[in-house]
Amino acid sequence: MSYLAIIDLGSNSTRMVVEEIQADGRVVELIRQKSDTRLAEGMLQNNGALTQAAMTRVCQAIRTFAESYDAYPDVKIIGIATAAVREATNQNEFTERLLREFGVEVQVLSGDQEAYYDYLGAVSALDISDAWLLDTGGASVELVGIQDRMAANFISLPFGAVNLTERFELNKAGLIDTQALSAAQDYVAAQFENLPWVESDQLPIILLGGANRTLARLDRRRQKLVDEADFHGYTMPTERVVQTFNELNAMTLAQRAELLGVEANRADIIISGLLPLMQLITLTDAKKVIFSASGVREGVLQEYRLEAQEH
């Protein structure tokens, strides 16, 4: 029996899981924690560098996480970072700080690696053969075309809920500016339309990422399901996705915050966070989406488990 902690430095949230790796190879999740650290926030105005405030928020989160994972003997720590750190001009400064202060060596995933781990995590947890997979993070979007449970095509695109919001100023207190929203929609559309392998095939879309999780929880609450947080494998018709997006878009920031309830902290980025999904629905004519709670961290875990079995 051994213990593994995975720390995921996302562009919007910092997350940690502790897993027990049993002698027969089975994995049991012991702890799952999250902190909304907004690591990508302010990079646009800071010449592409992570801000000191954002880096400090992440360090505070890891300090709290360490109180949990240090309770396990000989726990192995794996640190991964995605788009915000990948794009940051002060990437080395930040990763060296984490190594110095916490002993956490961070692997900065390439866009292709992030997309692959998303795919690996999702297909290990969902019984699906052909689909699109969309992971909308704070500063990037990973898109995978899945055929016969294999990743046929995949790409990482450099925009997400946080940096789209900042670039097009979609976080103002009043109603969303229609011209700003149209410009953001055109930008996302142009990025997707450059991908020749994205076609109208009506395949379902597997969804990962914070904005998509918020969509799932909101819809489950509206459908009066008992546990709105239990969204893994939950399906939602795309016509309801479009309806929900249009409702959110017609609200002020305060109204969106009230509707989202415990996830009110996403009210300022939820519109940008759903734009990639809206565009993918348009391009593929998908009829339903399927939400997955298993993504990049679970993909890293699957790879670690398989490598451990080989040795």
Protein backbone atom coordinates (compact mmCIF):
# COMPACT_ATOMS: atom_id res chain seq x y z
CA MET A 1 0.00 0.00 0.00
CA SER A 2 1.28 3.47 -0.90
CA TYR A 3 -0.04 7.00 -1.03
CA LEU A 4 -0.02 9.53 -3.84
CA ALA A 5 -1.00 13.21 -3.75
CA ILE A 6 -1.58 15.06 -7.01
CA ILE A 7 -1.56 18.86 -6.94
CA ASP A 8 -3.08 20.47 -10.04
CA LEU A 9 -2.20 24.14 -10.58
CA GLY A 10 -5.04 25.16 -12.86
CA SER A 11 -5.54 28.61 -14.34
CA ASN A 12 -8.62 29.25 -12.20
CA SER A 13 -8.48 26.67 -9.39
CA THR A 14 -5.79 24.78 -7.51
CA ARG A 15 -6.85 21.24 -6.66
CA MET A 16 -5.43 18.32 -4.71
CA VAL A 17 -6.32 14.67 -4.37
CA VAL A 18 -4.80 12.00 -2.13
CA GLU A 19 -5.04 8.45 -3.43
CA GLU A 20 -4.33 5.14 -1.71
CA ILE A 21 -2.64 2.72 -4.13
CA GLN A 22 -3.42 -0.76 -2.92
CA ALA A 23 -1.25 -3.84 -3.42
CA ASP A 24 -3.55 -5.26 -6.11
CA GLY A 25 -3.38 -2.01 -8.11
CA ARG A 26 -6.77 -0.68 -7.05
CA VAL A 27 -6.96 3.02 -6.25
CA VAL A 28 -9.04 4.57 -3.47
CA GLU A 29 -9.53 8.33 -3.30
CA LEU A 30 -9.09 9.54 0.27
CA ILE A 31 -9.17 13.33 0.01
CA ARG A 32 -10.22 15.88 -2.62
CA GLN A 33 -9.70 19.60 -1.99
CA LYS A 34 -10.01 22.75 -4.09
CA SER A 35 -9.18 26.42 -3.77
CA ASP A 36 -10.28 29.16 -6.20
CA THR A 37 -6.91 30.81 -6.75
CA ARG A 38 -7.41 32.54 -10.15
CA LEU A 39 -3.78 31.98 -11.15
CA ALA A 40 -4.34 33.41 -14.66
CA GLU A 41 -5.95 36.58 -13.33
CA GLY A 42 -4.12 39.75 -14.29
CA MET A 43 -1.65 38.13 -16.69
CA LEU A 44 -2.92 40.20 -19.61
CA GLN A 45 -2.20 43.44 -17.77
CA ASN A 46 1.09 42.08 -16.33
CA ASN A 47 2.86 41.51 -19.67
CA GLY A 48 2.17 37.77 -19.62
CA ALA A 49 3.58 37.17 -16.14
CA LEU A 50 1.81 35.60 -13.17
CA THR A 51 1.02 38.28 -10.61
CA GLN A 52 2.49 38.19 -7.12
CA ALA A 53 -1.02 38.14 -5.66
CA ALA A 54 -2.03 35.11 -7.74
CA MET A 55 1.16 33.18 -6.90
CA THR A 56 0.64 33.93 -3.20
CA ARG A 57 -2.92 32.59 -3.37
CA VAL A 58 -1.61 29.31 -4.82
CA CYS A 59 1.07 29.04 -2.12
CA GLN A 60 -1.56 29.55 0.56
CA ALA A 61 -3.67 26.79 -0.99
CA ILE A 62 -0.76 24.33 -1.11
CA ARG A 63 0.12 25.16 2.50
CA THR A 64 -3.43 24.13 3.46
CA PHE A 65 -3.29 21.01 1.28
CA ALA A 66 -0.01 19.95 2.92
CA GLU A 67 -1.74 19.76 6.28
CA SER A 68 -3.84 16.96 4.78
CA TYR A 69 -1.37 14.97 2.68
CA ASP A 70 1.45 15.14 5.24
CA ALA A 71 -0.67 12.93 7.50
CA TYR A 72 0.07 9.94 5.22
CA PRO A 73 3.35 8.03 5.51
CA ASP A 74 5.84 8.28 2.64
CA VAL A 75 3.30 10.06 0.46
CA LYS A 76 4.56 10.77 -3.07
CA ILE A 77 3.72 14.25 -4.36
CA ILE A 78 3.10 14.91 -8.05
CA GLY A 79 2.64 18.53 -9.09
CA ILE A 80 1.24 19.46 -12.50
CA ALA A 81 0.56 22.87 -14.01
CA THR A 82 -1.48 23.82 -17.04
CA ALA A 83 -2.08 26.85 -19.26
CA ALA A 84 -1.43 29.81 -16.95
CA VAL A 85 1.98 28.50 -15.87
CA ARG A 86 2.69 27.13 -19.34
CA GLU A 87 2.26 30.61 -20.87
CA ALA A 88 3.76 32.66 -18.02
CA THR A 89 6.93 34.61 -18.70
CA ASN A 90 7.93 34.04 -15.05
CA GLN A 91 7.23 30.30 -15.11
CA ASN A 92 10.65 29.34 -13.71
CA GLU A 93 10.44 31.84 -10.87
CA PHE A 94 7.11 30.36 -9.78
CA THR A 95 8.01 26.67 -10.07
CA GLU A 96 11.30 27.25 -8.25
CA ARG A 97 9.40 28.98 -5.45
CA LEU A 98 7.10 25.97 -5.07
CA LEU A 99 10.08 23.61 -4.95
CA ARG A 100 11.87 25.79 -2.41
CA GLU A 101 8.89 26.41 -0.10
CA PHE A 102 7.06 23.08 -0.33
CA GLY A 103 9.41 20.58 -1.93
CA VAL A 104 6.89 20.18 -4.75
CA GLU A 105 8.45 19.66 -8.16
CA VAL A 106 5.95 20.81 -10.74
CA GLN A 107 5.68 19.34 -14.23
CA VAL A 108 4.39 22.00 -16.60
CA LEU A 109 2.21 20.10 -19.05
CA SER A 110 2.30 20.97 -22.72
CA GLY A 111 -1.06 21.58 -24.37
CA ASP A 112 -0.91 18.16 -26.02
CA GLN A 113 -0.11 16.47 -22.71
CA GLU A 114 -3.02 18.20 -21.00
CA ALA A 115 -5.41 17.11 -23.75
CA TYR A 116 -4.08 13.54 -23.59
CA TYR A 117 -4.48 13.28 -19.82
CA ASP A 118 -8.01 14.71 -20.11
CA TYR A 119 -8.81 11.99 -22.63
CA LEU A 120 -7.19 9.25 -20.54
CA GLY A 121 -9.04 10.29 -17.40
CA ALA A 122 -12.42 10.58 -19.11
CA VAL A 123 -12.38 7.33 -21.09
CA SER A 124 -11.26 5.41 -18.00
CA ALA A 125 -14.42 6.57 -16.21
CA LEU A 126 -17.07 6.74 -18.96
CA ASP A 127 -18.43 3.97 -21.17
CA ILE A 128 -18.43 5.82 -24.48
CA SER A 129 -17.00 4.99 -27.89
CA ASP A 130 -17.27 8.07 -30.13
CA ALA A 131 -17.50 11.63 -28.85
CA TRP A 132 -15.93 15.04 -28.60
CA LEU A 133 -14.18 15.97 -25.36
CA LEU A 134 -14.02 19.62 -24.33
CA ASP A 135 -12.13 20.85 -21.28
CA THR A 136 -12.60 24.58 -20.69
CA GLY A 137 -10.12 25.88 -18.14
CA GLY A 138 -9.21 29.35 -17.01
CA ALA A 139 -6.65 30.04 -19.74
CA SER A 140 -6.94 27.22 -22.28
CA VAL A 141 -9.35 24.88 -24.00
CA GLU A 142 -8.49 21.25 -24.74
CA LEU A 143 -10.45 19.58 -27.51
CA VAL A 144 -10.21 15.87 -28.33
CA GLY A 145 -11.94 13.89 -31.05
CA ILE A 146 -12.57 10.35 -29.74
CA GLN A 147 -13.16 7.47 -32.16
CA ASP A 148 -13.58 3.88 -30.92
CA ARG A 149 -12.35 5.07 -27.51
CA MET A 150 -9.09 6.31 -29.06
CA ALA A 151 -7.91 9.92 -29.28
CA ALA A 152 -8.04 10.52 -33.03
CA ASN A 153 -7.29 14.25 -32.87
CA PHE A 154 -6.48 16.64 -30.05
CA ILE A 155 -5.38 20.23 -29.53
CA SER A 156 -4.98 22.87 -26.84
CA LEU A 157 -6.13 26.41 -27.65
CA PRO A 158 -4.84 29.43 -25.66
CA PHE A 159 -8.09 30.90 -24.35
CA GLY A 160 -10.36 30.07 -21.44
CA ALA A 161 -12.84 31.45 -18.95
CA VAL A 162 -10.47 33.86 -17.20
CA ASN A 163 -8.45 35.29 -20.08
CA LEU A 164 -11.48 35.57 -22.40
CA THR A 165 -13.30 37.49 -19.67
CA GLU A 166 -10.39 39.90 -19.24
CA ARG A 167 -9.67 40.30 -22.96
CA PHE A 168 -13.26 41.15 -23.90
CA GLU A 169 -14.28 42.77 -20.57
CA LEU A 170 -17.22 40.45 -19.97
CA ASN A 171 -17.15 40.80 -16.17
CA LYS A 172 -18.81 44.20 -15.71
CA ALA A 173 -21.49 44.61 -13.08
CA GLY A 174 -24.37 45.40 -15.42
CA LEU A 175 -25.65 43.49 -18.41
CA ILE A 176 -23.13 41.92 -20.80
CA ASP A 177 -22.20 44.36 -23.57
CA THR A 178 -23.58 42.86 -26.79
CA GLN A 179 -20.70 44.11 -28.94
CA ALA A 180 -18.10 42.72 -26.52
CA LEU A 181 -19.88 39.36 -26.42
CA SER A 182 -20.12 39.27 -30.22
CA ALA A 183 -16.39 39.97 -30.50
CA ALA A 184 -15.63 37.14 -28.06
CA GLN A 185 -17.91 34.76 -29.94
CA ASP A 186 -16.23 35.65 -33.25
CA TYR A 187 -12.80 35.07 -31.73
CA VAL A 188 -13.70 31.62 -30.39
CA ALA A 189 -15.45 30.70 -33.65
CA ALA A 190 -12.37 31.61 -35.69
CA GLN A 191 -10.18 29.40 -33.51
CA PHE A 192 -12.45 26.37 -33.91
CA GLU A 193 -13.08 26.91 -37.61
CA ASN A 194 -9.34 26.57 -38.25
CA LEU A 195 -9.58 22.91 -37.19
CA PRO A 196 -10.42 20.84 -40.31
CA TRP A 197 -11.23 17.74 -38.26
CA VAL A 198 -14.11 19.41 -36.38
CA GLU A 199 -17.25 18.54 -38.32
CA SER A 200 -21.01 18.30 -38.00
CA ASP A 201 -21.41 14.69 -36.88
CA GLN A 202 -23.92 15.07 -34.01
CA LEU A 203 -21.67 13.14 -31.61
CA PRO A 204 -22.11 13.83 -27.88
CA ILE A 205 -19.70 16.22 -26.16
CA ILE A 206 -17.94 15.10 -22.97
CA LEU A 207 -17.43 18.13 -20.75
CA LEU A 208 -14.65 18.94 -18.28
CA GLY A 209 -13.65 22.18 -16.61
CA GLY A 210 -15.06 24.50 -13.96
CA ALA A 211 -17.61 26.39 -16.05
CA ASN A 212 -19.00 23.14 -17.42
CA ARG A 213 -19.20 21.65 -13.93
CA THR A 214 -21.14 24.73 -12.82
CA LEU A 215 -23.53 24.22 -15.73
CA ALA A 216 -24.11 20.61 -14.66
CA ARG A 217 -24.80 21.51 -11.04
CA LEU A 218 -27.15 24.32 -12.03
CA ASP A 219 -29.12 22.04 -14.34
CA ARG A 220 -29.33 19.24 -11.79
CA ARG A 221 -30.68 21.70 -9.24
CA ARG A 222 -33.26 22.92 -11.73
CA GLN A 223 -34.28 19.33 -12.48
CA LYS A 224 -34.78 18.86 -8.72
CA LEU A 225 -32.24 16.06 -8.47
CA VAL A 226 -31.30 15.15 -4.92
CA ASP A 227 -27.54 15.67 -5.11
CA GLU A 228 -26.66 18.45 -7.53
CA ALA A 229 -22.93 17.84 -6.99
CA ASP A 230 -23.09 14.23 -8.24
CA PHE A 231 -22.76 15.13 -11.92
CA HIS A 232 -20.40 12.45 -13.26
CA GLY A 233 -22.06 10.80 -16.25
CA TYR A 234 -24.95 13.26 -16.16
CA THR A 235 -26.38 14.06 -19.60
CA MET A 236 -28.07 17.26 -20.70
CA PRO A 237 -29.72 18.02 -24.06
CA THR A 238 -27.94 20.79 -25.94
CA GLU A 239 -31.16 22.72 -26.40
CA ARG A 240 -31.23 23.16 -22.60
CA VAL A 241 -27.56 24.18 -22.65
CA VAL A 242 -28.36 26.93 -25.16
CA GLN A 243 -31.40 28.03 -23.16
CA THR A 244 -29.36 28.26 -19.95
CA PHE A 245 -26.59 30.23 -21.65
CA ASN A 246 -29.10 32.71 -23.05
CA GLU A 247 -30.68 33.15 -19.61
CA LEU A 248 -27.29 33.79 -17.97
CA ASN A 249 -26.38 36.22 -20.72
CA ALA A 250 -29.55 38.25 -20.07
CA MET A 251 -28.67 38.71 -16.38
CA THR A 252 -26.56 41.24 -14.53
CA LEU A 253 -23.50 40.06 -12.64
CA ALA A 254 -25.42 40.18 -9.36
CA GLN A 255 -28.30 38.16 -10.81
CA ARG A 256 -25.92 35.49 -12.12
CA ALA A 257 -24.25 35.31 -8.70
CA GLU A 258 -27.63 34.82 -7.01
CA LEU A 259 -28.59 32.07 -9.45
CA LEU A 260 -25.30 30.20 -9.07
CA GLY A 261 -25.57 30.20 -5.26
CA VAL A 262 -22.57 28.46 -3.70
CA GLU A 263 -20.69 28.90 -6.97
CA ALA A 264 -21.34 32.64 -7.12
CA ASN A 265 -17.59 33.21 -7.42
CA ARG A 266 -17.90 32.03 -11.04
CA ALA A 267 -20.55 34.60 -11.94
CA ASP A 268 -18.01 36.90 -13.58
CA ILE A 269 -16.45 34.19 -15.79
CA ILE A 270 -19.35 31.81 -16.49
CA ILE A 271 -20.30 33.47 -19.81
CA SER A 272 -16.76 33.24 -21.18
CA GLY A 273 -16.45 29.75 -19.72
CA LEU A 274 -19.43 28.52 -21.74
CA LEU A 275 -18.52 30.22 -25.04
CA PRO A 276 -16.31 27.34 -26.29
CA LEU A 277 -19.11 24.86 -25.61
CA MET A 278 -21.65 27.02 -27.42
CA GLN A 279 -19.38 27.21 -30.47
CA LEU A 280 -18.69 23.47 -30.48
CA ILE A 281 -22.42 22.72 -30.32
CA THR A 282 -22.92 24.96 -33.36
CA LEU A 283 -20.13 23.32 -35.36
CA THR A 284 -20.91 19.69 -34.54
CA ASP A 285 -24.71 19.88 -34.19
CA ALA A 286 -24.34 17.81 -31.00
CA LYS A 287 -27.64 16.78 -29.40
CA LYS A 288 -26.39 16.12 -25.87
CA VAL A 289 -23.50 16.73 -23.53
CA ILE A 290 -22.10 14.31 -20.94
CA PHE A 291 -20.35 15.66 -17.86
CA SER A 292 -17.24 13.98 -16.50
CA ALA A 293 -15.70 14.42 -13.06
CA SER A 294 -12.64 12.53 -14.28
CA GLY A 295 -10.07 14.52 -16.22
CA VAL A 296 -6.43 15.54 -16.20
CA ARG A 297 -5.65 14.53 -12.59
CA GLU A 298 -7.29 11.15 -13.08
CA GLY A 299 -5.37 10.74 -16.34
CA VAL A 300 -2.10 11.36 -14.52
CA LEU A 301 -3.21 8.87 -11.86
CA GLN A 302 -4.02 6.22 -14.48
CA GLU A 303 -0.59 6.61 -16.05
CA TYR A 304 1.11 6.41 -12.64
CA ARG A 305 -0.85 3.29 -11.70
CA LEU A 306 -0.04 1.52 -14.98
CA GLU A 307 3.65 2.37 -14.73
CA ALA A 308 3.74 1.11 -11.14
CA GLN A 309 2.19 -2.20 -12.21
CA GLU A 310 4.81 -2.63 -14.93
CA HIS A 311 7.54 -2.30 -12.31
